[in-house]
């Protein structure tokens, strides 16, 4: 489906996150809610990927928009299916960062608690792909003030892609709503549809 979008949230996040909510709002205003999916992902990578594969099948060839760990999932799926991906402060090799996080976790939005195990880490490692080489298919949005992930890791890994690096900001990506016209355009949604929307009000 042309102009469809699959939003992939991050670690311990949910469809209620700010970026996801803003995108849901805009697509609803455009009358395009049927072209957007924002699944509430299972905490285990294998089940999350299964959910995302199902969403891709329903949407056709969506733009994958991945935040943080969702950016890692989006990269795997974009390489597997030849899809376009827009990555927002994406995690690079997250399995290498989870050593200190094993044990009980709590979702920031749903209050669900769950156990992060070595099997989660192994499943994440299985999803790693070679660094993407296609600037036409990949946009990578980074903010240098990301307090969770060092933006330089993504800058290096995605160096062959179209990089947009903003000074300051944080891991949630400050000012995301103002960048939505660029996201919609990358998804193939015409500017004539959204030019009347005041993105500063989101």
N, C-alpha and C. Protein backbone atom coordinates (compact mmCIF):
# COMPACT_ATOMS: atom_id res chain seq x y z
N UNK A 1 0.84 -1.19 0.00
CA UNK A 1 0.00 0.00 0.00
C UNK A 1 0.88 1.25 0.00
N UNK A 2 0.76 2.07 -1.01
CA UNK A 2 1.57 3.29 -1.10
C UNK A 2 1.24 4.23 0.05
N UNK A 3 2.28 4.82 0.63
CA UNK A 3 2.06 5.77 1.71
C UNK A 3 1.72 5.14 3.04
N UNK A 4 2.01 3.86 3.20
CA UNK A 4 1.74 3.21 4.49
C UNK A 4 2.98 3.26 5.38
N UNK A 5 2.74 3.22 6.68
CA UNK A 5 3.81 3.39 7.67
C UNK A 5 3.65 2.36 8.78
N UNK A 6 4.75 1.73 9.15
CA UNK A 6 4.79 0.86 10.31
C UNK A 6 5.73 1.49 11.33
N UNK A 7 5.16 1.92 12.48
CA UNK A 7 5.97 2.54 13.52
C UNK A 7 6.39 1.48 14.53
N UNK A 8 7.68 1.44 14.84
CA UNK A 8 8.24 0.39 15.70
C UNK A 8 8.85 1.06 16.94
N UNK A 9 8.17 0.90 18.07
CA UNK A 9 8.62 1.59 19.29
C UNK A 9 9.84 0.91 19.89
N UNK A 10 10.40 1.56 20.89
CA UNK A 10 11.65 1.11 21.47
C UNK A 10 11.50 0.22 22.69
N UNK A 11 12.60 -0.01 23.37
CA UNK A 11 12.70 -0.88 24.54
C UNK A 11 11.85 -0.32 25.69
N UNK A 12 10.99 -1.16 26.24
CA UNK A 12 10.10 -0.76 27.34
C UNK A 12 9.25 0.45 26.99
N UNK A 13 8.95 0.61 25.70
CA UNK A 13 8.07 1.69 25.26
C UNK A 13 6.74 1.09 24.82
N UNK A 14 5.93 1.90 24.13
CA UNK A 14 4.58 1.45 23.77
C UNK A 14 3.97 2.41 22.76
N UNK A 15 2.83 2.05 22.16
CA UNK A 15 2.15 2.97 21.24
C UNK A 15 1.73 4.29 21.89
N UNK A 16 1.74 4.36 23.22
CA UNK A 16 1.38 5.59 23.93
C UNK A 16 2.54 6.57 24.01
N UNK A 17 3.71 6.21 23.50
CA UNK A 17 4.85 7.12 23.56
C UNK A 17 4.57 8.39 22.76
N UNK A 18 5.31 9.44 23.05
CA UNK A 18 5.04 10.75 22.44
C UNK A 18 5.14 10.69 20.92
N UNK A 19 6.23 10.14 20.40
CA UNK A 19 6.41 10.13 18.93
C UNK A 19 5.32 9.32 18.25
N UNK A 20 5.01 8.15 18.81
CA UNK A 20 3.97 7.31 18.22
C UNK A 20 2.62 8.04 18.26
N UNK A 21 2.33 8.69 19.38
CA UNK A 21 1.06 9.40 19.53
C UNK A 21 0.94 10.54 18.52
N UNK A 22 2.03 11.25 18.30
CA UNK A 22 2.02 12.35 17.33
C UNK A 22 1.77 11.84 15.92
N UNK A 23 2.41 10.72 15.58
CA UNK A 23 2.22 10.15 14.24
C UNK A 23 0.79 9.63 14.07
N UNK A 24 0.27 8.97 15.11
CA UNK A 24 -1.12 8.49 15.08
C UNK A 24 -2.08 9.66 14.86
N UNK A 25 -1.84 10.76 15.56
CA UNK A 25 -2.68 11.95 15.46
C UNK A 25 -2.67 12.51 14.03
N UNK A 26 -1.49 12.66 13.47
CA UNK A 26 -1.38 13.23 12.12
C UNK A 26 -2.05 12.33 11.07
N UNK A 27 -1.80 11.03 11.15
CA UNK A 27 -2.39 10.13 10.16
C UNK A 27 -3.93 10.13 10.28
N UNK A 28 -4.43 10.29 11.51
CA UNK A 28 -5.89 10.38 11.70
C UNK A 28 -6.43 11.66 11.07
N UNK A 29 -5.72 12.77 11.26
CA UNK A 29 -6.14 14.05 10.67
C UNK A 29 -6.15 13.96 9.14
N UNK A 30 -5.26 13.17 8.59
CA UNK A 30 -5.16 13.02 7.13
C UNK A 30 -6.16 12.01 6.59
N UNK A 31 -6.86 11.34 7.51
CA UNK A 31 -7.78 10.30 7.07
C UNK A 31 -7.07 9.05 6.59
N UNK A 32 -5.84 8.85 7.10
CA UNK A 32 -5.00 7.74 6.64
C UNK A 32 -4.71 6.74 7.76
N UNK A 33 -5.57 6.70 8.77
CA UNK A 33 -5.30 5.79 9.89
C UNK A 33 -5.17 4.34 9.46
N UNK A 34 -5.84 3.99 8.36
CA UNK A 34 -5.77 2.60 7.89
C UNK A 34 -4.42 2.28 7.27
N UNK A 35 -3.61 3.30 7.03
CA UNK A 35 -2.28 3.08 6.44
C UNK A 35 -1.16 3.09 7.48
N UNK A 36 -1.55 3.16 8.75
CA UNK A 36 -0.56 3.20 9.83
C UNK A 36 -0.81 2.05 10.79
N UNK A 37 0.25 1.36 11.17
CA UNK A 37 0.18 0.40 12.27
C UNK A 37 1.25 0.74 13.29
N UNK A 38 0.86 0.70 14.56
CA UNK A 38 1.78 0.94 15.68
C UNK A 38 1.56 -0.19 16.68
N UNK A 39 2.09 -1.37 16.40
CA UNK A 39 1.83 -2.51 17.28
C UNK A 39 2.48 -2.34 18.65
N UNK A 40 1.78 -2.84 19.68
CA UNK A 40 2.35 -2.93 21.02
C UNK A 40 3.22 -4.19 21.04
N UNK A 41 4.51 -4.00 20.98
CA UNK A 41 5.41 -5.13 20.75
C UNK A 41 5.63 -5.96 22.02
N UNK A 42 5.70 -7.26 21.81
CA UNK A 42 6.08 -8.18 22.88
C UNK A 42 7.53 -7.89 23.27
N UNK A 43 7.85 -8.11 24.55
CA UNK A 43 9.21 -7.81 25.00
C UNK A 43 10.25 -8.77 24.42
N UNK A 44 9.82 -9.97 23.98
CA UNK A 44 10.81 -10.90 23.43
C UNK A 44 11.01 -10.63 21.94
N UNK A 45 12.27 -10.48 21.51
CA UNK A 45 12.52 -10.11 20.11
C UNK A 45 11.89 -11.04 19.08
N UNK A 46 11.90 -12.35 19.33
CA UNK A 46 11.35 -13.26 18.31
C UNK A 46 9.86 -13.03 18.12
N UNK A 47 9.16 -12.80 19.23
CA UNK A 47 7.72 -12.56 19.11
C UNK A 47 7.44 -11.18 18.53
N UNK A 48 8.28 -10.21 18.89
CA UNK A 48 8.12 -8.86 18.33
C UNK A 48 8.31 -8.88 16.82
N UNK A 49 9.33 -9.58 16.35
CA UNK A 49 9.56 -9.66 14.90
C UNK A 49 8.39 -10.35 14.21
N UNK A 50 7.82 -11.37 14.84
CA UNK A 50 6.65 -12.02 14.28
C UNK A 50 5.48 -11.06 14.13
N UNK A 51 5.27 -10.21 15.14
CA UNK A 51 4.22 -9.20 15.07
C UNK A 51 4.48 -8.23 13.92
N UNK A 52 5.73 -7.83 13.77
CA UNK A 52 6.09 -6.85 12.74
C UNK A 52 5.99 -7.44 11.34
N UNK A 53 6.35 -8.71 11.20
CA UNK A 53 6.20 -9.38 9.90
C UNK A 53 4.72 -9.41 9.50
N UNK A 54 3.86 -9.64 10.47
CA UNK A 54 2.42 -9.68 10.21
C UNK A 54 1.93 -8.30 9.76
N UNK A 55 2.41 -7.26 10.42
CA UNK A 55 2.02 -5.89 10.07
C UNK A 55 2.50 -5.51 8.67
N UNK A 56 3.72 -5.93 8.32
CA UNK A 56 4.25 -5.65 6.98
C UNK A 56 3.37 -6.33 5.93
N UNK A 57 2.97 -7.57 6.20
CA UNK A 57 2.12 -8.30 5.25
C UNK A 57 0.79 -7.58 5.05
N UNK A 58 0.26 -6.98 6.10
CA UNK A 58 -1.02 -6.29 6.00
C UNK A 58 -0.90 -4.94 5.30
N UNK A 59 0.22 -4.26 5.51
CA UNK A 59 0.39 -2.91 4.96
C UNK A 59 0.96 -2.91 3.54
N UNK A 60 1.51 -4.03 3.12
CA UNK A 60 2.12 -4.07 1.78
C UNK A 60 3.60 -3.78 1.87
N UNK A 61 4.00 -2.59 1.44
CA UNK A 61 5.42 -2.20 1.52
C UNK A 61 5.52 -0.89 2.28
N UNK A 62 5.35 -0.96 3.60
CA UNK A 62 5.34 0.28 4.38
C UNK A 62 6.73 0.87 4.56
N UNK A 63 6.76 2.17 4.87
CA UNK A 63 7.96 2.78 5.42
C UNK A 63 8.06 2.31 6.86
N UNK A 64 9.22 1.79 7.24
CA UNK A 64 9.46 1.37 8.62
C UNK A 64 10.04 2.56 9.38
N UNK A 65 9.38 2.97 10.44
CA UNK A 65 9.87 4.06 11.28
C UNK A 65 10.21 3.44 12.63
N UNK A 66 11.50 3.40 12.96
CA UNK A 66 11.93 2.73 14.17
C UNK A 66 12.65 3.65 15.12
N UNK A 67 12.25 3.62 16.40
CA UNK A 67 12.89 4.43 17.43
C UNK A 67 13.69 3.55 18.36
N UNK A 68 14.94 3.91 18.60
CA UNK A 68 15.79 3.21 19.57
C UNK A 68 15.90 1.72 19.22
N UNK A 69 15.48 0.81 20.10
CA UNK A 69 15.51 -0.61 19.76
C UNK A 69 14.65 -0.88 18.52
N UNK A 70 13.58 -0.12 18.35
CA UNK A 70 12.76 -0.25 17.15
C UNK A 70 13.53 0.05 15.88
N UNK A 71 14.56 0.90 15.99
CA UNK A 71 15.42 1.17 14.84
C UNK A 71 16.25 -0.04 14.46
N UNK A 72 16.64 -0.81 15.46
CA UNK A 72 17.38 -2.05 15.22
C UNK A 72 16.47 -3.07 14.53
N UNK A 73 15.25 -3.21 15.04
CA UNK A 73 14.28 -4.10 14.39
C UNK A 73 14.00 -3.64 12.95
N UNK A 74 13.82 -2.33 12.78
CA UNK A 74 13.50 -1.79 11.45
C UNK A 74 14.63 -2.07 10.46
N UNK A 75 15.86 -1.97 10.92
CA UNK A 75 17.00 -2.23 10.04
C UNK A 75 17.00 -3.69 9.58
N UNK A 76 16.78 -4.60 10.51
CA UNK A 76 16.71 -6.02 10.17
C UNK A 76 15.62 -6.27 9.13
N UNK A 77 14.45 -5.72 9.36
CA UNK A 77 13.31 -5.97 8.47
C UNK A 77 13.47 -5.27 7.13
N UNK A 78 14.05 -4.07 7.13
CA UNK A 78 14.28 -3.35 5.88
C UNK A 78 15.25 -4.12 4.99
N UNK A 79 16.28 -4.70 5.60
CA UNK A 79 17.25 -5.48 4.83
C UNK A 79 16.62 -6.79 4.34
N UNK A 80 15.78 -7.40 5.15
CA UNK A 80 15.15 -8.66 4.77
C UNK A 80 14.16 -8.47 3.61
N UNK A 81 13.44 -7.35 3.63
CA UNK A 81 12.35 -7.16 2.66
C UNK A 81 12.62 -6.08 1.62
N UNK A 82 13.78 -5.42 1.70
CA UNK A 82 14.06 -4.36 0.74
C UNK A 82 13.16 -3.14 0.92
N UNK A 83 12.83 -2.84 2.18
CA UNK A 83 11.94 -1.72 2.47
C UNK A 83 12.72 -0.46 2.83
N UNK A 84 12.03 0.67 2.79
CA UNK A 84 12.61 1.93 3.25
C UNK A 84 12.47 2.02 4.77
N UNK A 85 13.44 2.67 5.40
CA UNK A 85 13.41 2.79 6.85
C UNK A 85 13.86 4.18 7.27
N UNK A 86 13.15 4.72 8.24
CA UNK A 86 13.54 5.98 8.87
C UNK A 86 13.80 5.67 10.34
N UNK A 87 15.02 5.89 10.77
CA UNK A 87 15.46 5.46 12.10
C UNK A 87 15.71 6.68 12.97
N UNK A 88 15.14 6.67 14.17
CA UNK A 88 15.23 7.80 15.09
C UNK A 88 16.04 7.37 16.31
N UNK A 89 17.23 7.95 16.46
CA UNK A 89 18.15 7.56 17.54
C UNK A 89 18.20 6.04 17.68
N UNK A 90 18.55 5.32 16.60
CA UNK A 90 18.47 3.85 16.64
C UNK A 90 19.56 3.21 17.49
N UNK A 91 19.21 2.07 18.07
CA UNK A 91 20.18 1.27 18.80
C UNK A 91 21.01 0.46 17.80
N UNK A 92 22.31 0.40 18.03
CA UNK A 92 23.23 -0.41 17.22
C UNK A 92 23.75 -1.53 18.11
N UNK A 93 23.63 -2.77 17.65
CA UNK A 93 24.08 -3.94 18.43
C UNK A 93 23.58 -3.90 19.88
N UNK A 94 22.26 -3.77 20.09
CA UNK A 94 21.74 -3.62 21.47
C UNK A 94 22.06 -4.80 22.37
N UNK A 95 22.26 -5.99 21.77
CA UNK A 95 22.58 -7.16 22.59
C UNK A 95 23.89 -6.99 23.34
N UNK A 96 24.75 -6.12 22.84
CA UNK A 96 26.03 -5.89 23.52
C UNK A 96 25.88 -4.94 24.70
N UNK A 97 24.72 -4.28 24.79
CA UNK A 97 24.53 -3.30 25.85
C UNK A 97 23.68 -3.83 27.00
N UNK A 98 23.12 -5.03 26.85
CA UNK A 98 22.13 -5.49 27.82
C UNK A 98 22.71 -6.29 28.98
N UNK A 99 24.04 -6.45 29.00
CA UNK A 99 24.64 -7.28 30.06
C UNK A 99 24.22 -6.81 31.45
N UNK A 100 24.20 -5.51 31.66
CA UNK A 100 23.88 -4.98 32.98
C UNK A 100 22.40 -4.84 33.24
N UNK A 101 21.59 -5.23 32.26
CA UNK A 101 20.14 -5.03 32.39
C UNK A 101 19.37 -6.33 32.65
N UNK A 102 20.07 -7.46 32.70
CA UNK A 102 19.38 -8.74 32.91
C UNK A 102 18.58 -8.70 34.22
N UNK A 103 17.39 -9.30 34.17
CA UNK A 103 16.55 -9.30 35.36
C UNK A 103 15.23 -8.59 35.10
N UNK A 104 14.59 -8.17 36.16
CA UNK A 104 13.25 -7.61 36.07
C UNK A 104 13.25 -6.24 35.39
N UNK A 105 12.35 -6.09 34.42
CA UNK A 105 12.16 -4.84 33.69
C UNK A 105 10.73 -4.36 33.89
N UNK A 106 10.52 -3.07 33.67
CA UNK A 106 9.16 -2.53 33.75
C UNK A 106 8.91 -1.61 32.56
N UNK A 107 7.81 -1.87 31.84
CA UNK A 107 7.46 -1.02 30.71
C UNK A 107 7.06 0.36 31.23
N UNK A 108 7.62 1.39 30.62
CA UNK A 108 7.42 2.76 31.09
C UNK A 108 5.98 3.23 30.92
N UNK A 109 5.26 2.60 30.01
CA UNK A 109 3.91 3.08 29.68
C UNK A 109 2.80 2.15 30.19
N UNK A 110 3.07 0.86 30.19
CA UNK A 110 2.02 -0.10 30.55
C UNK A 110 2.15 -0.63 31.97
N UNK A 111 3.30 -0.35 32.61
CA UNK A 111 3.61 -0.87 33.96
C UNK A 111 3.77 -2.39 33.99
N UNK A 112 3.79 -3.02 32.82
CA UNK A 112 4.03 -4.47 32.77
C UNK A 112 5.45 -4.75 33.24
N UNK A 113 5.60 -5.78 34.08
CA UNK A 113 6.94 -6.22 34.47
C UNK A 113 7.25 -7.55 33.78
N UNK A 114 8.52 -7.73 33.45
CA UNK A 114 8.95 -8.95 32.76
C UNK A 114 10.43 -9.17 33.04
N UNK A 115 10.91 -10.37 32.69
CA UNK A 115 12.30 -10.72 32.96
C UNK A 115 13.13 -10.68 31.68
N UNK A 116 14.19 -9.87 31.69
CA UNK A 116 15.13 -9.85 30.57
C UNK A 116 16.15 -10.96 30.81
N UNK A 117 16.18 -11.92 29.89
CA UNK A 117 17.02 -13.11 30.07
C UNK A 117 18.11 -13.18 29.00
N UNK A 118 19.01 -14.15 29.18
CA UNK A 118 20.04 -14.37 28.16
C UNK A 118 19.42 -14.75 26.82
N UNK A 119 18.25 -15.38 26.85
CA UNK A 119 17.58 -15.74 25.59
C UNK A 119 17.15 -14.50 24.82
N UNK A 120 16.72 -13.45 25.52
CA UNK A 120 16.42 -12.18 24.85
C UNK A 120 17.65 -11.66 24.12
N UNK A 121 18.78 -11.70 24.82
CA UNK A 121 20.03 -11.17 24.26
C UNK A 121 20.45 -11.99 23.04
N UNK A 122 20.34 -13.30 23.15
CA UNK A 122 20.68 -14.18 22.02
C UNK A 122 19.78 -13.89 20.83
N UNK A 123 18.49 -13.72 21.09
CA UNK A 123 17.54 -13.45 20.01
C UNK A 123 17.84 -12.12 19.34
N UNK A 124 18.26 -11.13 20.11
CA UNK A 124 18.64 -9.84 19.53
C UNK A 124 19.87 -9.99 18.64
N UNK A 125 20.84 -10.75 19.11
CA UNK A 125 22.08 -10.95 18.33
C UNK A 125 21.78 -11.59 16.98
N UNK A 126 20.77 -12.46 16.95
CA UNK A 126 20.41 -13.16 15.71
C UNK A 126 19.87 -12.20 14.65
N UNK A 127 19.44 -11.02 15.05
CA UNK A 127 18.83 -10.07 14.12
C UNK A 127 19.85 -9.11 13.50
N UNK A 128 21.10 -9.19 13.93
CA UNK A 128 22.09 -8.23 13.44
C UNK A 128 22.36 -8.43 11.95
N UNK A 129 22.47 -7.31 11.24
CA UNK A 129 22.75 -7.34 9.81
C UNK A 129 23.98 -6.48 9.53
N UNK A 130 24.55 -6.66 8.34
CA UNK A 130 25.65 -5.79 7.93
C UNK A 130 25.15 -4.36 7.79
N UNK A 131 26.05 -3.41 7.98
CA UNK A 131 25.67 -2.00 7.92
C UNK A 131 25.01 -1.68 6.58
N UNK A 132 23.82 -1.07 6.59
CA UNK A 132 23.13 -0.72 5.34
C UNK A 132 23.95 0.24 4.49
N UNK A 133 23.78 0.10 3.17
CA UNK A 133 24.59 0.88 2.23
C UNK A 133 23.75 1.73 1.28
N UNK A 134 22.47 1.93 1.58
CA UNK A 134 21.58 2.55 0.62
C UNK A 134 21.00 3.87 1.14
N UNK A 135 21.57 5.02 0.73
CA UNK A 135 21.06 6.30 1.20
C UNK A 135 19.68 6.64 0.64
N UNK A 136 19.25 5.95 -0.40
CA UNK A 136 17.90 6.17 -0.93
C UNK A 136 16.84 5.52 -0.06
N UNK A 137 17.23 4.43 0.60
CA UNK A 137 16.26 3.66 1.38
C UNK A 137 16.29 3.98 2.86
N UNK A 138 17.37 4.59 3.31
CA UNK A 138 17.53 4.82 4.76
C UNK A 138 17.73 6.29 5.07
N UNK A 139 16.90 6.79 6.00
CA UNK A 139 17.17 8.07 6.65
C UNK A 139 17.41 7.77 8.13
N UNK A 140 18.43 8.39 8.68
CA UNK A 140 18.78 8.16 10.08
C UNK A 140 18.84 9.51 10.79
N UNK A 141 17.95 9.69 11.73
CA UNK A 141 17.84 10.95 12.46
C UNK A 141 18.46 10.79 13.84
N UNK A 142 19.48 11.57 14.12
CA UNK A 142 20.20 11.47 15.39
C UNK A 142 20.23 12.82 16.09
N UNK A 143 20.19 12.79 17.41
CA UNK A 143 20.43 13.99 18.21
C UNK A 143 21.62 13.72 19.12
N UNK A 144 22.56 14.67 19.12
CA UNK A 144 23.82 14.44 19.83
C UNK A 144 23.64 14.41 21.35
N UNK A 145 22.51 14.96 21.84
CA UNK A 145 22.28 14.98 23.28
C UNK A 145 21.62 13.72 23.82
N UNK A 146 21.51 12.69 22.97
CA UNK A 146 20.91 11.41 23.39
C UNK A 146 21.62 10.89 24.64
N UNK A 147 20.88 10.82 25.75
CA UNK A 147 21.48 10.41 27.02
C UNK A 147 21.51 8.91 27.21
N UNK A 148 20.83 8.17 26.34
CA UNK A 148 20.74 6.71 26.46
C UNK A 148 21.71 5.99 25.55
N UNK A 149 21.82 6.46 24.31
CA UNK A 149 22.70 5.86 23.31
C UNK A 149 23.69 6.90 22.79
N UNK A 150 24.93 6.51 22.62
CA UNK A 150 25.93 7.40 22.03
C UNK A 150 25.65 7.51 20.54
N UNK A 151 25.24 8.69 20.10
CA UNK A 151 24.84 8.87 18.69
C UNK A 151 25.96 8.51 17.72
N UNK A 152 27.21 8.58 18.18
CA UNK A 152 28.34 8.31 17.28
C UNK A 152 28.38 6.86 16.81
N UNK A 153 27.82 5.94 17.60
CA UNK A 153 27.76 4.55 17.16
C UNK A 153 26.87 4.43 15.92
N UNK A 154 25.71 5.08 15.96
CA UNK A 154 24.81 5.04 14.80
C UNK A 154 25.39 5.84 13.64
N UNK A 155 26.04 6.95 13.95
CA UNK A 155 26.66 7.76 12.90
C UNK A 155 27.69 6.92 12.11
N UNK A 156 28.44 6.11 12.82
CA UNK A 156 29.45 5.27 12.18
C UNK A 156 28.80 4.11 11.42
N UNK A 157 27.86 3.42 12.08
CA UNK A 157 27.25 2.23 11.49
C UNK A 157 26.44 2.57 10.23
N UNK A 158 25.74 3.70 10.28
CA UNK A 158 24.88 4.10 9.16
C UNK A 158 25.53 5.16 8.28
N UNK A 159 26.86 5.19 8.26
CA UNK A 159 27.55 6.27 7.57
C UNK A 159 27.27 6.31 6.06
N UNK A 160 26.86 5.18 5.47
CA UNK A 160 26.56 5.16 4.04
C UNK A 160 25.13 5.58 3.75
N UNK A 161 24.35 5.87 4.80
CA UNK A 161 22.94 6.22 4.63
C UNK A 161 22.77 7.74 4.69
N UNK A 162 21.54 8.21 4.53
CA UNK A 162 21.25 9.63 4.64
C UNK A 162 21.12 9.99 6.11
N UNK A 163 22.12 10.70 6.63
CA UNK A 163 22.15 11.04 8.05
C UNK A 163 21.64 12.46 8.28
N UNK A 164 20.85 12.63 9.32
CA UNK A 164 20.43 13.96 9.77
C UNK A 164 20.79 14.05 11.24
N UNK A 165 21.82 14.82 11.54
CA UNK A 165 22.33 14.91 12.92
C UNK A 165 22.07 16.31 13.46
N UNK A 166 21.31 16.37 14.55
CA UNK A 166 21.01 17.65 15.19
C UNK A 166 21.78 17.76 16.50
N UNK A 167 22.34 18.93 16.75
CA UNK A 167 23.01 19.17 18.02
C UNK A 167 21.99 19.25 19.15
N UNK A 168 22.37 18.70 20.31
CA UNK A 168 21.48 18.76 21.46
C UNK A 168 20.40 17.69 21.41
N UNK A 169 19.22 18.03 21.95
CA UNK A 169 18.13 17.07 21.96
C UNK A 169 18.32 16.02 23.04
N UNK A 170 17.62 14.89 22.88
CA UNK A 170 17.73 13.80 23.85
C UNK A 170 17.29 12.50 23.18
N UNK A 171 17.20 11.43 23.97
CA UNK A 171 16.90 10.12 23.38
C UNK A 171 15.49 10.07 22.79
N UNK A 172 14.57 10.84 23.35
CA UNK A 172 13.20 10.84 22.83
C UNK A 172 13.09 11.58 21.50
N UNK A 173 14.12 12.30 21.12
CA UNK A 173 14.20 13.11 19.89
C UNK A 173 13.29 14.33 20.00
N UNK A 174 13.86 15.39 20.55
CA UNK A 174 13.13 16.65 20.71
C UNK A 174 12.72 17.21 19.34
N UNK A 175 11.51 17.76 19.27
CA UNK A 175 11.05 18.39 18.04
C UNK A 175 10.62 17.42 16.96
N UNK A 176 10.32 16.18 17.34
CA UNK A 176 9.93 15.15 16.36
C UNK A 176 8.74 15.61 15.53
N UNK A 177 7.75 16.24 16.17
CA UNK A 177 6.53 16.64 15.45
C UNK A 177 6.85 17.57 14.28
N UNK A 178 7.85 18.44 14.47
CA UNK A 178 8.20 19.38 13.41
C UNK A 178 8.87 18.69 12.22
N UNK A 179 9.36 17.48 12.44
CA UNK A 179 10.02 16.72 11.38
C UNK A 179 9.04 15.80 10.64
N UNK A 180 7.79 15.75 11.10
CA UNK A 180 6.83 14.82 10.49
C UNK A 180 6.58 15.06 9.00
N UNK A 181 6.59 16.31 8.51
CA UNK A 181 6.44 16.48 7.05
C UNK A 181 7.51 15.71 6.26
N UNK A 182 8.75 15.70 6.75
CA UNK A 182 9.82 14.96 6.07
C UNK A 182 9.55 13.47 6.12
N UNK A 183 9.02 13.01 7.25
CA UNK A 183 8.69 11.58 7.39
C UNK A 183 7.58 11.20 6.42
N UNK A 184 6.52 12.00 6.39
CA UNK A 184 5.39 11.72 5.50
C UNK A 184 5.82 11.71 4.04
N UNK A 185 6.67 12.66 3.69
CA UNK A 185 7.19 12.73 2.32
C UNK A 185 7.98 11.48 1.97
N UNK A 186 8.82 11.02 2.90
CA UNK A 186 9.64 9.82 2.67
C UNK A 186 8.75 8.59 2.52
N UNK A 187 7.59 8.63 3.17
CA UNK A 187 6.63 7.52 3.07
C UNK A 187 5.83 7.56 1.78
N UNK A 188 5.99 8.65 1.01
CA UNK A 188 5.27 8.74 -0.26
C UNK A 188 3.91 9.40 -0.14
N UNK A 189 3.70 10.14 0.94
CA UNK A 189 2.44 10.87 1.13
C UNK A 189 2.62 12.29 0.63
N UNK A 190 1.76 12.72 -0.28
CA UNK A 190 1.93 14.00 -0.95
C UNK A 190 1.78 15.20 -0.03
N UNK A 191 2.60 16.22 -0.24
CA UNK A 191 2.58 17.42 0.59
C UNK A 191 1.23 18.12 0.53
N UNK A 192 0.51 17.97 -0.57
CA UNK A 192 -0.80 18.62 -0.70
C UNK A 192 -1.76 18.12 0.37
N UNK A 193 -1.52 16.91 0.88
CA UNK A 193 -2.42 16.34 1.89
C UNK A 193 -2.20 16.94 3.27
N UNK A 194 -0.96 17.30 3.57
CA UNK A 194 -0.67 17.70 4.95
C UNK A 194 -0.23 19.16 5.10
N UNK A 195 -0.24 19.94 4.02
CA UNK A 195 0.29 21.31 4.14
C UNK A 195 -0.58 22.19 5.05
N UNK A 196 -1.87 21.81 5.25
CA UNK A 196 -2.74 22.62 6.09
C UNK A 196 -2.57 22.31 7.58
N UNK A 197 -1.81 21.29 7.93
CA UNK A 197 -1.65 20.90 9.34
C UNK A 197 -0.60 21.79 10.01
N UNK A 198 -0.92 22.27 11.19
CA UNK A 198 0.04 23.03 11.98
C UNK A 198 0.82 22.04 12.87
N UNK A 199 2.00 21.68 12.43
CA UNK A 199 2.78 20.67 13.15
C UNK A 199 3.34 21.19 14.48
N UNK A 200 3.33 22.52 14.65
CA UNK A 200 3.82 23.07 15.92
C UNK A 200 2.80 22.86 17.04
N UNK A 201 1.58 22.49 16.69
CA UNK A 201 0.52 22.34 17.70
C UNK A 201 0.40 20.92 18.24
N UNK A 202 1.19 20.00 17.68
CA UNK A 202 1.06 18.59 18.08
C UNK A 202 1.65 18.35 19.47
